[in-house]
Amino acid sequence: MAYSEELCEQAVTEFQKAWDSLGDRTLSTYRFWGSHELDLAQAQDGLVVAGLAKVYHAAKKSIRFINQLGVRCSLVIIDEAHQAIAQTYKLVLDALVVPYEKTALLGLTAIKI
């Protein structure tokens, strides 16, 4: 997950490059930000790259959505993790990770040296 469309698209592009070199099977990539929609019935396996705001709004609209997404996740990665302290983003992360003991959370952030 990321907070901007640019970061979401960058995540898709870079993941696909890495998976093409290192992956051991075909893997679907799903986009869920901006005008992209996600049909959870179709997302049985693969990578979901999502905008934090879009997930938050979908969760507010339907708690069932966030529950279904959480059940399907084994790893939640948040780019620019320092943004995760915002109450809205914390709510999304807690809903996707806390109820599921086997779901891991990885926060990424860049620092200037």
PDB file of N, CA and C in Angstrom:
ATOM      1  N   MET A   1       0.833  -1.162   0.000  1.00  0.00           N
ATOM      2  CA  MET A   1       0.000   0.000   0.000  1.00  0.00           C
ATOM      3  C   MET A   1       0.883   1.232   0.000  1.00  0.00           C
ATOM      4  N   ALA A   2       0.373   2.254  -0.620  1.00  0.00           N
ATOM      5  CA  ALA A   2       1.083   3.526  -0.680  1.00  0.00           C
ATOM      6  C   ALA A   2       0.057   4.650  -0.705  1.00  0.00           C
ATOM      7  N   TYR A   3       0.520   5.844  -0.421  1.00  0.00           N
ATOM      8  CA  TYR A   3      -0.414   6.964  -0.322  1.00  0.00           C
ATOM      9  C   TYR A   3      -0.608   7.709  -1.635  1.00  0.00           C
ATOM     10  N   SER A   4       0.195   7.437  -2.671  1.00  0.00           N
ATOM     11  CA  SER A   4       0.009   8.146  -3.934  1.00  0.00           C
ATOM     12  C   SER A   4      -0.076   7.163  -5.106  1.00  0.00           C
ATOM     13  N   GLU A   5      -0.742   7.604  -6.159  1.00  0.00           N
ATOM     14  CA  GLU A   5      -0.865   6.776  -7.353  1.00  0.00           C
ATOM     15  C   GLU A   5       0.495   6.491  -7.970  1.00  0.00           C
ATOM     16  N   GLU A   6       1.365   7.485  -7.946  1.00  0.00           N
ATOM     17  CA  GLU A   6       2.713   7.320  -8.494  1.00  0.00           C
ATOM     18  C   GLU A   6       3.469   6.208  -7.771  1.00  0.00           C
ATOM     19  N   LEU A   7       3.399   6.203  -6.451  1.00  0.00           N
ATOM     20  CA  LEU A   7       4.087   5.160  -5.679  1.00  0.00           C
ATOM     21  C   LEU A   7       3.448   3.789  -5.905  1.00  0.00           C
ATOM     22  N   CYS A   8       2.131   3.753  -6.073  1.00  0.00           N
ATOM     23  CA  CYS A   8       1.464   2.478  -6.360  1.00  0.00           C
ATOM     24  C   CYS A   8       1.931   1.910  -7.699  1.00  0.00           C
ATOM     25  N   GLU A   9       1.952   2.755  -8.728  1.00  0.00           N
ATOM     26  CA  GLU A   9       2.391   2.282 -10.048  1.00  0.00           C
ATOM     27  C   GLU A   9       3.856   1.864 -10.021  1.00  0.00           C
ATOM     28  N   GLN A  10       4.678   2.604  -9.299  1.00  0.00           N
ATOM     29  CA  GLN A  10       6.084   2.241  -9.161  1.00  0.00           C
ATOM     30  C   GLN A  10       6.216   0.871  -8.477  1.00  0.00           C
ATOM     31  N   ALA A  11       5.407   0.612  -7.478  1.00  0.00           N
ATOM     32  CA  ALA A  11       5.447  -0.680  -6.784  1.00  0.00           C
ATOM     33  C   ALA A  11       5.092  -1.821  -7.737  1.00  0.00           C
ATOM     34  N   VAL A  12       4.058  -1.630  -8.544  1.00  0.00           N
ATOM     35  CA  VAL A  12       3.669  -2.658  -9.517  1.00  0.00           C
ATOM     36  C   VAL A  12       4.806  -2.921 -10.494  1.00  0.00           C
ATOM     37  N   THR A  13       5.345  -1.868 -11.067  1.00  0.00           N
ATOM     38  CA  THR A  13       6.404  -1.989 -12.069  1.00  0.00           C
ATOM     39  C   THR A  13       7.634  -2.695 -11.503  1.00  0.00           C
ATOM     40  N   GLU A  14       8.089  -2.252 -10.353  1.00  0.00           N
ATOM     41  CA  GLU A  14       9.306  -2.827  -9.775  1.00  0.00           C
ATOM     42  C   GLU A  14       9.085  -4.259  -9.293  1.00  0.00           C
ATOM     43  N   PHE A  15       7.917  -4.551  -8.739  1.00  0.00           N
ATOM     44  CA  PHE A  15       7.632  -5.911  -8.319  1.00  0.00           C
ATOM     45  C   PHE A  15       7.620  -6.838  -9.526  1.00  0.00           C
ATOM     46  N   GLN A  16       6.954  -6.414 -10.605  1.00  0.00           N
ATOM     47  CA  GLN A  16       6.884  -7.262 -11.794  1.00  0.00           C
ATOM     48  C   GLN A  16       8.278  -7.531 -12.364  1.00  0.00           C
ATOM     49  N   LYS A  17       9.142  -6.526 -12.367  1.00  0.00           N
ATOM     50  CA  LYS A  17      10.525  -6.736 -12.837  1.00  0.00           C
ATOM     51  C   LYS A  17      11.227  -7.772 -11.970  1.00  0.00           C
ATOM     52  N   ALA A  18      11.119  -7.618 -10.673  1.00  0.00           N
ATOM     53  CA  ALA A  18      11.779  -8.545  -9.754  1.00  0.00           C
ATOM     54  C   ALA A  18      11.189  -9.951  -9.882  1.00  0.00           C
ATOM     55  N   TRP A  19       9.874 -10.044  -9.965  1.00  0.00           N
ATOM     56  CA  TRP A  19       9.230 -11.353 -10.033  1.00  0.00           C
ATOM     57  C   TRP A  19       9.584 -12.063 -11.338  1.00  0.00           C
ATOM     58  N   ASP A  20       9.719 -11.313 -12.436  1.00  0.00           N
ATOM     59  CA  ASP A  20      10.122 -11.917 -13.707  1.00  0.00           C
ATOM     60  C   ASP A  20      11.485 -12.589 -13.591  1.00  0.00           C
ATOM     61  N   SER A  21      12.365 -12.036 -12.765  1.00  0.00           N
ATOM     62  CA  SER A  21      13.705 -12.602 -12.590  1.00  0.00           C
ATOM     63  C   SER A  21      13.758 -13.676 -11.513  1.00  0.00           C
ATOM     64  N   LEU A  22      12.999 -13.499 -10.434  1.00  0.00           N
ATOM     65  CA  LEU A  22      13.151 -14.360  -9.258  1.00  0.00           C
ATOM     66  C   LEU A  22      11.960 -15.258  -8.962  1.00  0.00           C
ATOM     67  N   GLY A  23      10.824 -14.958  -9.532  1.00  0.00           N
ATOM     68  CA  GLY A  23       9.610 -15.710  -9.219  1.00  0.00           C
ATOM     69  C   GLY A  23       9.643 -17.130  -9.741  1.00  0.00           C
ATOM     70  N   ASP A  24       8.870 -17.987  -9.098  1.00  0.00           N
ATOM     71  CA  ASP A  24       8.874 -19.401  -9.471  1.00  0.00           C
ATOM     72  C   ASP A  24       7.548 -19.856 -10.090  1.00  0.00           C
ATOM     73  N   ARG A  25       6.655 -18.890 -10.371  1.00  0.00           N
ATOM     74  CA  ARG A  25       5.356 -19.218 -10.969  1.00  0.00           C
ATOM     75  C   ARG A  25       4.741 -17.941 -11.528  1.00  0.00           C
ATOM     76  N   THR A  26       3.644 -18.102 -12.247  1.00  0.00           N
ATOM     77  CA  THR A  26       2.908 -16.954 -12.737  1.00  0.00           C
ATOM     78  C   THR A  26       2.170 -16.326 -11.561  1.00  0.00           C
ATOM     79  N   LEU A  27       2.181 -15.015 -11.501  1.00  0.00           N
ATOM     80  CA  LEU A  27       1.535 -14.316 -10.399  1.00  0.00           C
ATOM     81  C   LEU A  27       0.741 -13.130 -10.946  1.00  0.00           C
ATOM     82  N   SER A  28      -0.501 -13.042 -10.557  1.00  0.00           N
ATOM     83  CA  SER A  28      -1.352 -11.924 -10.987  1.00  0.00           C
ATOM     84  C   SER A  28      -1.074 -10.701 -10.130  1.00  0.00           C
ATOM     85  N   THR A  29      -1.198  -9.530 -10.742  1.00  0.00           N
ATOM     86  CA  THR A  29      -1.063  -8.264 -10.035  1.00  0.00           C
ATOM     87  C   THR A  29      -2.379  -7.507 -10.175  1.00  0.00           C
ATOM     88  N   TYR A  30      -2.886  -7.033  -9.050  1.00  0.00           N
ATOM     89  CA  TYR A  30      -4.146  -6.304  -9.026  1.00  0.00           C
ATOM     90  C   TYR A  30      -3.886  -4.876  -8.569  1.00  0.00           C
ATOM     91  N   ARG A  31      -4.507  -3.931  -9.246  1.00  0.00           N
ATOM     92  CA  ARG A  31      -4.379  -2.514  -8.897  1.00  0.00           C
ATOM     93  C   ARG A  31      -5.661  -2.044  -8.213  1.00  0.00           C
ATOM     94  N   PHE A  32      -5.498  -1.283  -7.127  1.00  0.00           N
ATOM     95  CA  PHE A  32      -6.650  -0.737  -6.420  1.00  0.00           C
ATOM     96  C   PHE A  32      -6.305   0.655  -5.910  1.00  0.00           C
ATOM     97  N   TRP A  33      -6.323   1.594  -6.826  1.00  0.00           N
ATOM     98  CA  TRP A  33      -6.133   3.010  -6.499  1.00  0.00           C
ATOM     99  C   TRP A  33      -6.704   3.821  -7.651  1.00  0.00           C
ATOM    100  N   GLY A  34      -6.939   5.097  -7.407  1.00  0.00           N
ATOM    101  CA  GLY A  34      -7.474   5.962  -8.464  1.00  0.00           C
ATOM    102  C   GLY A  34      -8.726   5.372  -9.077  1.00  0.00           C
ATOM    103  N   SER A  35      -8.719   5.180 -10.392  1.00  0.00           N
ATOM    104  CA  SER A  35      -9.885   4.626 -11.089  1.00  0.00           C
ATOM    105  C   SER A  35      -9.877   3.103 -11.129  1.00  0.00           C
ATOM    106  N   HIS A  36      -8.823   2.473 -10.621  1.00  0.00           N
ATOM    107  CA  HIS A  36      -8.733   1.010 -10.623  1.00  0.00           C
ATOM    108  C   HIS A  36      -9.622   0.431  -9.532  1.00  0.00           C
ATOM    109  N   GLU A  37     -10.365  -0.603  -9.883  1.00  0.00           N
ATOM    110  CA  GLU A  37     -11.241  -1.284  -8.927  1.00  0.00           C
ATOM    111  C   GLU A  37     -10.707  -2.683  -8.658  1.00  0.00           C
ATOM    112  N   LEU A  38     -11.130  -3.260  -7.552  1.00  0.00           N
ATOM    113  CA  LEU A  38     -10.672  -4.583  -7.154  1.00  0.00           C
ATOM    114  C   LEU A  38     -11.873  -5.468  -6.889  1.00  0.00           C
ATOM    115  N   ASP A  39     -11.960  -6.567  -7.622  1.00  0.00           N
ATOM    116  CA  ASP A  39     -12.987  -7.570  -7.389  1.00  0.00           C
ATOM    117  C   ASP A  39     -12.336  -8.672  -6.570  1.00  0.00           C
ATOM    118  N   LEU A  40     -12.619  -8.699  -5.277  1.00  0.00           N
ATOM    119  CA  LEU A  40     -11.963  -9.650  -4.387  1.00  0.00           C
ATOM    120  C   LEU A  40     -12.273 -11.099  -4.747  1.00  0.00           C
ATOM    121  N   ALA A  41     -13.391 -11.343  -5.403  1.00  0.00           N
ATOM    122  CA  ALA A  41     -13.708 -12.704  -5.830  1.00  0.00           C
ATOM    123  C   ALA A  41     -12.701 -13.190  -6.874  1.00  0.00           C
ATOM    124  N   GLN A  42     -12.138 -12.272  -7.642  1.00  0.00           N
ATOM    125  CA  GLN A  42     -11.141 -12.616  -8.664  1.00  0.00           C
ATOM    126  C   GLN A  42      -9.729 -12.718  -8.095  1.00  0.00           C
ATOM    127  N   ALA A  43      -9.478 -12.077  -6.978  1.00  0.00           N
ATOM    128  CA  ALA A  43      -8.118 -12.001  -6.405  1.00  0.00           C
ATOM    129  C   ALA A  43      -7.888 -13.146  -5.433  1.00  0.00           C
ATOM    130  N   GLN A  44      -7.717 -14.334  -5.970  1.00  0.00           N
ATOM    131  CA  GLN A  44      -7.490 -15.508  -5.131  1.00  0.00           C
ATOM    132  C   GLN A  44      -6.019 -15.674  -4.771  1.00  0.00           C
ATOM    133  N   ASP A  45      -5.143 -15.216  -5.644  1.00  0.00           N
ATOM    134  CA  ASP A  45      -3.710 -15.366  -5.435  1.00  0.00           C
ATOM    135  C   ASP A  45      -3.035 -14.225  -6.174  1.00  0.00           C
ATOM    136  N   GLY A  46      -1.968 -13.701  -5.618  1.00  0.00           N
ATOM    137  CA  GLY A  46      -1.239 -12.666  -6.323  1.00  0.00           C
ATOM    138  C   GLY A  46      -0.907 -11.494  -5.428  1.00  0.00           C
ATOM    139  N   LEU A  47      -0.598 -10.393  -6.074  1.00  0.00           N
ATOM    140  CA  LEU A  47      -0.193  -9.164  -5.403  1.00  0.00           C
ATOM    141  C   LEU A  47      -1.259  -8.104  -5.624  1.00  0.00           C
ATOM    142  N   VAL A  48      -1.715  -7.511  -4.540  1.00  0.00           N
ATOM    143  CA  VAL A  48      -2.631  -6.381  -4.618  1.00  0.00           C
ATOM    144  C   VAL A  48      -1.844  -5.138  -4.234  1.00  0.00           C
ATOM    145  N   VAL A  49      -1.786  -4.184  -5.129  1.00  0.00           N
ATOM    146  CA  VAL A  49      -1.169  -2.896  -4.814  1.00  0.00           C
ATOM    147  C   VAL A  49      -2.316  -1.907  -4.686  1.00  0.00           C
ATOM    148  N   ALA A  50      -2.373  -1.269  -3.525  1.00  0.00           N
ATOM    149  CA  ALA A  50      -3.531  -0.447  -3.213  1.00  0.00           C
ATOM    150  C   ALA A  50      -3.122   0.905  -2.673  1.00  0.00           C
ATOM    151  N   GLY A  51      -3.937   1.878  -2.964  1.00  0.00           N
ATOM    152  CA  GLY A  51      -3.783   3.203  -2.373  1.00  0.00           C
ATOM    153  C   GLY A  51      -4.432   3.198  -0.999  1.00  0.00           C
ATOM    154  N   LEU A  52      -3.741   3.755  -0.043  1.00  0.00           N
ATOM    155  CA  LEU A  52      -4.261   3.773   1.326  1.00  0.00           C
ATOM    156  C   LEU A  52      -5.621   4.458   1.411  1.00  0.00           C
ATOM    157  N   ALA A  53      -5.766   5.582   0.729  1.00  0.00           N
ATOM    158  CA  ALA A  53      -7.032   6.307   0.780  1.00  0.00           C
ATOM    159  C   ALA A  53      -8.162   5.471   0.185  1.00  0.00           C
ATOM    160  N   LYS A  54      -7.886   4.759  -0.891  1.00  0.00           N
ATOM    161  CA  LYS A  54      -8.929   3.958  -1.538  1.00  0.00           C
ATOM    162  C   LYS A  54      -9.347   2.803  -0.639  1.00  0.00           C
ATOM    163  N   VAL A  55      -8.388   2.171   0.018  1.00  0.00           N
ATOM    164  CA  VAL A  55      -8.724   1.087   0.947  1.00  0.00           C
ATOM    165  C   VAL A  55      -9.529   1.632   2.123  1.00  0.00           C
ATOM    166  N   TYR A  56      -9.125   2.781   2.640  1.00  0.00           N
ATOM    167  CA  TYR A  56      -9.836   3.389   3.757  1.00  0.00           C
ATOM    168  C   TYR A  56     -11.289   3.689   3.386  1.00  0.00           C
ATOM    169  N   HIS A  57     -11.492   4.287   2.215  1.00  0.00           N
ATOM    170  CA  HIS A  57     -12.848   4.621   1.787  1.00  0.00           C
ATOM    171  C   HIS A  57     -13.678   3.364   1.523  1.00  0.00           C
ATOM    172  N   ALA A  58     -13.060   2.326   0.974  1.00  0.00           N
ATOM    173  CA  ALA A  58     -13.775   1.065   0.749  1.00  0.00           C
ATOM    174  C   ALA A  58     -14.158   0.416   2.080  1.00  0.00           C
ATOM    175  N   ALA A  59     -13.272   0.507   3.066  1.00  0.00           N
ATOM    176  CA  ALA A  59     -13.554  -0.060   4.390  1.00  0.00           C
ATOM    177  C   ALA A  59     -14.693   0.695   5.075  1.00  0.00           C
ATOM    178  N   LYS A  60     -14.695   2.029   4.926  1.00  0.00           N
ATOM    179  CA  LYS A  60     -15.777   2.829   5.509  1.00  0.00           C
ATOM    180  C   LYS A  60     -17.126   2.483   4.869  1.00  0.00           C
ATOM    181  N   LYS A  61     -17.070   2.192   3.592  1.00  0.00           N
ATOM    182  CA  LYS A  61     -18.286   1.880   2.836  1.00  0.00           C
ATOM    183  C   LYS A  61     -18.805   0.473   3.175  1.00  0.00           C
ATOM    184  N   SER A  62     -17.849  -0.464   3.392  1.00  0.00           N
ATOM    185  CA  SER A  62     -18.233  -1.855   3.652  1.00  0.00           C
ATOM    186  C   SER A  62     -17.166  -2.535   4.507  1.00  0.00           C
ATOM    187  N   ILE A  63     -17.508  -2.817   5.749  1.00  0.00           N
ATOM    188  CA  ILE A  63     -16.565  -3.522   6.625  1.00  0.00           C
ATOM    189  C   ILE A  63     -16.274  -4.916   6.073  1.00  0.00           C
ATOM    190  N   ARG A  64     -17.209  -5.452   5.319  1.00  0.00           N
ATOM    191  CA  ARG A  64     -17.013  -6.770   4.687  1.00  0.00           C
ATOM    192  C   ARG A  64     -15.815  -6.739   3.730  1.00  0.00           C
ATOM    193  N   PHE A  65     -15.651  -5.631   3.023  1.00  0.00           N
ATOM    194  CA  PHE A  65     -14.537  -5.501   2.089  1.00  0.00           C
ATOM    195  C   PHE A  65     -13.198  -5.663   2.808  1.00  0.00           C
ATOM    196  N   ILE A  66     -12.992  -4.903   3.878  1.00  0.00           N
ATOM    197  CA  ILE A  66     -11.702  -4.947   4.571  1.00  0.00           C
ATOM    198  C   ILE A  66     -11.483  -6.313   5.200  1.00  0.00           C
ATOM    199  N   ASN A  67     -12.553  -6.958   5.661  1.00  0.00           N
ATOM    200  CA  ASN A  67     -12.433  -8.307   6.213  1.00  0.00           C
ATOM    201  C   ASN A  67     -12.024  -9.311   5.144  1.00  0.00           C
ATOM    202  N   GLN A  68     -12.649  -9.220   3.977  1.00  0.00           N
ATOM    203  CA  GLN A  68     -12.306 -10.128   2.882  1.00  0.00           C
ATOM    204  C   GLN A  68     -10.875  -9.905   2.403  1.00  0.00           C
ATOM    205  N   LEU A  69     -10.457  -8.663   2.354  1.00  0.00           N
ATOM    206  CA  LEU A  69      -9.088  -8.366   1.954  1.00  0.00           C
ATOM    207  C   LEU A  69      -8.118  -8.902   3.002  1.00  0.00           C
ATOM    208  N   GLY A  70      -8.406  -8.678   4.257  1.00  0.00           N
ATOM    209  CA  GLY A  70      -7.543  -9.152   5.334  1.00  0.00           C
ATOM    210  C   GLY A  70      -7.375 -10.661   5.343  1.00  0.00           C
ATOM    211  N   VAL A  71      -8.445 -11.382   5.108  1.00  0.00           N
ATOM    212  CA  VAL A  71      -8.394 -12.848   5.079  1.00  0.00           C
ATOM    213  C   VAL A  71      -7.459 -13.338   3.975  1.00  0.00           C
ATOM    214  N   ARG A  72      -7.377 -12.592   2.877  1.00  0.00           N
ATOM    215  CA  ARG A  72      -6.570 -13.015   1.729  1.00  0.00           C
ATOM    216  C   ARG A  72      -5.101 -12.588   1.840  1.00  0.00           C
ATOM    217  N   CYS A  73      -4.763 -11.765   2.800  1.00  0.00           N
ATOM    218  CA  CYS A  73      -3.393 -11.239   2.912  1.00  0.00           C
ATOM    219  C   CYS A  73      -2.520 -12.112   3.807  1.00  0.00           C
ATOM    220  N   SER A  74      -1.299 -12.311   3.384  1.00  0.00           N
ATOM    221  CA  SER A  74      -0.320 -12.950   4.263  1.00  0.00           C
ATOM    222  C   SER A  74       0.793 -11.967   4.607  1.00  0.00           C
ATOM    223  N   LEU A  75       0.913 -10.927   3.803  1.00  0.00           N
ATOM    224  CA  LEU A  75       1.914  -9.888   4.044  1.00  0.00           C
ATOM    225  C   LEU A  75       1.332  -8.552   3.604  1.00  0.00           C
ATOM    226  N   VAL A  76       1.395  -7.573   4.479  1.00  0.00           N
ATOM    227  CA  VAL A  76       0.972  -6.219   4.150  1.00  0.00           C
ATOM    228  C   VAL A  76       2.221  -5.350   4.180  1.00  0.00           C
ATOM    229  N   ILE A  77       2.489  -4.701   3.054  1.00  0.00           N
ATOM    230  CA  ILE A  77       3.645  -3.819   2.940  1.00  0.00           C
ATOM    231  C   ILE A  77       3.125  -2.404   2.768  1.00  0.00           C
ATOM    232  N   ILE A  78       3.646  -1.491   3.565  1.00  0.00           N
ATOM    233  CA  ILE A  78       3.256  -0.094   3.423  1.00  0.00           C
ATOM    234  C   ILE A  78       4.485   0.719   3.067  1.00  0.00           C
ATOM    235  N   ASP A  79       4.385   1.416   1.946  1.00  0.00           N
ATOM    236  CA  ASP A  79       5.459   2.308   1.516  1.00  0.00           C
ATOM    237  C   ASP A  79       5.288   3.635   2.250  1.00  0.00           C
ATOM    238  N   GLU A  80       6.397   4.307   2.469  1.00  0.00           N
ATOM    239  CA  GLU A  80       6.365   5.564   3.226  1.00  0.00           C
ATOM    240  C   GLU A  80       5.686   5.329   4.582  1.00  0.00           C
ATOM    241  N   ALA A  81       6.210   4.337   5.310  1.00  0.00           N
ATOM    242  CA  ALA A  81       5.587   3.868   6.550  1.00  0.00           C
ATOM    243  C   ALA A  81       5.442   4.950   7.611  1.00  0.00           C
ATOM    244  N   HIS A  82       6.243   5.990   7.525  1.00  0.00           N
ATOM    245  CA  HIS A  82       6.091   7.071   8.500  1.00  0.00           C
ATOM    246  C   HIS A  82       4.709   7.725   8.395  1.00  0.00           C
ATOM    247  N   GLN A  83       4.032   7.544   7.263  1.00  0.00           N
ATOM    248  CA  GLN A  83       2.671   8.065   7.090  1.00  0.00           C
ATOM    249  C   GLN A  83       1.643   7.225   7.864  1.00  0.00           C
ATOM    250  N   ALA A  84       2.038   6.024   8.284  1.00  0.00           N
ATOM    251  CA  ALA A  84       1.109   5.085   8.909  1.00  0.00           C
ATOM    252  C   ALA A  84       0.632   5.528  10.283  1.00  0.00           C
ATOM    253  N   ILE A  85       1.223   6.569  10.828  1.00  0.00           N
ATOM    254  CA  ILE A  85       0.769   7.029  12.137  1.00  0.00           C
ATOM    255  C   ILE A  85      -0.530   7.834  12.040  1.00  0.00           C
ATOM    256  N   ALA A  86      -0.893   8.249  10.842  1.00  0.00           N
ATOM    257  CA  ALA A  86      -2.170   8.938  10.657  1.00  0.00           C
ATOM    258  C   ALA A  86      -3.293   7.988  11.058  1.00  0.00           C
ATOM    259  N   GLN A  87      -4.290   8.494  11.738  1.00  0.00           N
ATOM    260  CA  GLN A  87      -5.357   7.653  12.288  1.00  0.00           C
ATOM    261  C   GLN A  87      -6.056   6.819  11.218  1.00  0.00           C
ATOM    262  N   THR A  88      -6.312   7.403  10.051  1.00  0.00           N
ATOM    263  CA  THR A  88      -7.006   6.668   8.996  1.00  0.00           C
ATOM    264  C   THR A  88      -6.160   5.488   8.513  1.00  0.00           C
ATOM    265  N   TYR A  89      -4.871   5.708   8.318  1.00  0.00           N
ATOM    266  CA  TYR A  89      -4.009   4.644   7.831  1.00  0.00           C
ATOM    267  C   TYR A  89      -3.790   3.576   8.895  1.00  0.00           C
ATOM    268  N   LYS A  90      -3.699   4.001  10.141  1.00  0.00           N
ATOM    269  CA  LYS A  90      -3.539   3.053  11.240  1.00  0.00           C
ATOM    270  C   LYS A  90      -4.757   2.139  11.308  1.00  0.00           C
ATOM    271  N   LEU A  91      -5.938   2.699  11.102  1.00  0.00           N
ATOM    272  CA  LEU A  91      -7.162   1.908  11.103  1.00  0.00           C
ATOM    273  C   LEU A  91      -7.113   0.818  10.033  1.00  0.00           C
ATOM    274  N   VAL A  92      -6.683   1.177   8.825  1.00  0.00           N
ATOM    275  CA  VAL A  92      -6.579   0.216   7.730  1.00  0.00           C
ATOM    276  C   VAL A  92      -5.567  -0.874   8.070  1.00  0.00           C
ATOM    277  N   LEU A  93      -4.398  -0.482   8.538  1.00  0.00           N
ATOM    278  CA  LEU A  93      -3.366  -1.468   8.859  1.00  0.00           C
ATOM    279  C   LEU A  93      -3.815  -2.394   9.980  1.00  0.00           C
ATOM    280  N   ASP A  94      -4.415  -1.835  11.010  1.00  0.00           N
ATOM    281  CA  ASP A  94      -4.909  -2.668  12.112  1.00  0.00           C
ATOM    282  C   ASP A  94      -5.954  -3.665  11.620  1.00  0.00           C
ATOM    283  N   ALA A  95      -6.846  -3.236  10.733  1.00  0.00           N
ATOM    284  CA  ALA A  95      -7.895  -4.115  10.216  1.00  0.00           C
ATOM    285  C   ALA A  95      -7.327  -5.232   9.351  1.00  0.00           C
ATOM    286  N   LEU A  96      -6.223  -4.973   8.667  1.00  0.00           N
ATOM    287  CA  LEU A  96      -5.635  -5.978   7.779  1.00  0.00           C
ATOM    288  C   LEU A  96      -4.666  -6.922   8.485  1.00  0.00           C
ATOM    289  N   VAL A  97      -4.123  -6.502   9.617  1.00  0.00           N
ATOM    290  CA  VAL A  97      -3.058  -7.293  10.253  1.00  0.00           C
ATOM    291  C   VAL A  97      -3.461  -7.873  11.608  1.00  0.00           C
ATOM    292  N   VAL A  98      -4.009  -7.061  12.488  1.00  0.00           N
ATOM    293  CA  VAL A  98      -4.236  -7.483  13.881  1.00  0.00           C
ATOM    294  C   VAL A  98      -5.096  -8.748  14.012  1.00  0.00           C
ATOM    295  N   PRO A  99      -6.213  -8.879  13.293  1.00  0.00           N
ATOM    296  CA  PRO A  99      -7.051 -10.074  13.496  1.00  0.00           C
ATOM    297  C   PRO A  99      -6.454 -11.369  12.937  1.00  0.00           C
ATOM    298  N   TYR A 100      -5.387 -11.263  12.189  1.00  0.00           N
ATOM    299  CA  TYR A 100      -4.855 -12.425  11.467  1.00  0.00           C
ATOM    300  C   TYR A 100      -3.434 -12.710  11.937  1.00  0.00           C
ATOM    301  N   GLU A 101      -3.291 -13.693  12.810  1.00  0.00           N
ATOM    302  CA  GLU A 101      -1.990 -13.934  13.442  1.00  0.00           C
ATOM    303  C   GLU A 101      -0.890 -14.329  12.467  1.00  0.00           C
ATOM    304  N   LYS A 102      -1.233 -14.828  11.297  1.00  0.00           N
ATOM    305  CA  LYS A 102      -0.206 -15.227  10.333  1.00  0.00           C
ATOM    306  C   LYS A 102       0.100 -14.152   9.300  1.00  0.00           C
ATOM    307  N   THR A 103      -0.516 -12.991   9.432  1.00  0.00           N
ATOM    308  CA  THR A 103      -0.260 -11.896   8.497  1.00  0.00           C
ATOM    309  C   THR A 103       0.847 -11.013   9.056  1.00  0.00           C
ATOM    310  N   ALA A 104       1.868 -10.806   8.236  1.00  0.00           N
ATOM    311  CA  ALA A 104       3.000  -9.968   8.636  1.00  0.00           C
ATOM    312  C   ALA A 104       2.835  -8.557   8.082  1.00  0.00           C
ATOM    313  N   LEU A 105       3.463  -7.604   8.755  1.00  0.00           N
ATOM    314  CA  LEU A 105       3.443  -6.204   8.337  1.00  0.00           C
ATOM    315  C   LEU A 105       4.876  -5.745   8.128  1.00  0.00           C
ATOM    316  N   LEU A 106       5.126  -5.133   6.971  1.00  0.00           N
ATOM    317  CA  LEU A 106       6.452  -4.593   6.656  1.00  0.00           C
ATOM    318  C   LEU A 106       6.285  -3.140   6.259  1.00  0.00           C
ATOM    319  N   GLY A 107       6.956  -2.260   6.971  1.00  0.00           N
ATOM    320  CA  GLY A 107       6.925  -0.833   6.653  1.00  0.00           C
ATOM    321  C   GLY A 107       8.216  -0.411   5.977  1.00  0.00           C
ATOM    322  N   LEU A 108       8.086   0.313   4.881  1.00  0.00           N
ATOM    323  CA  LEU A 108       9.240   0.812   4.139  1.00  0.00           C
ATOM    324  C   LEU A 108       9.238   2.334   4.206  1.00  0.00           C
ATOM    325  N   THR A 109      10.400   2.916   4.333  1.00  0.00           N
ATOM    326  CA  THR A 109      10.509   4.369   4.292  1.00  0.00           C
ATOM    327  C   THR A 109      11.920   4.728   3.875  1.00  0.00           C
ATOM    328  N   ALA A 110      12.059   5.859   3.260  1.00  0.00           N
ATOM    329  CA  ALA A 110      13.384   6.341   2.846  1.00  0.00           C
ATOM    330  C   ALA A 110      13.842   7.384   3.848  1.00  0.00           C
ATOM    331  N   ILE A 111      15.122   7.387   4.085  1.00  0.00           N
ATOM    332  CA  ILE A 111      15.685   8.420   4.935  1.00  0.00           C
ATOM    333  C   ILE A 111      16.775   9.129   4.167  1.00  0.00           C
ATOM    334  N   LYS A 112      16.918  10.407   4.445  1.00  0.00           N
ATOM    335  CA  LYS A 112      17.982  11.179   3.804  1.00  0.00           C
ATOM    336  C   LYS A 112      19.193  11.157   4.706  1.00  0.00           C
ATOM    337  N   ILE A 113      20.308  10.898   4.098  1.00  0.00           N
ATOM    338  CA  ILE A 113      21.564  10.852   4.850  1.00  0.00           C
ATOM    339  C   ILE A 113      22.422  12.036   4.476  1.00  0.00           C
TER     340      ILE A 113
END
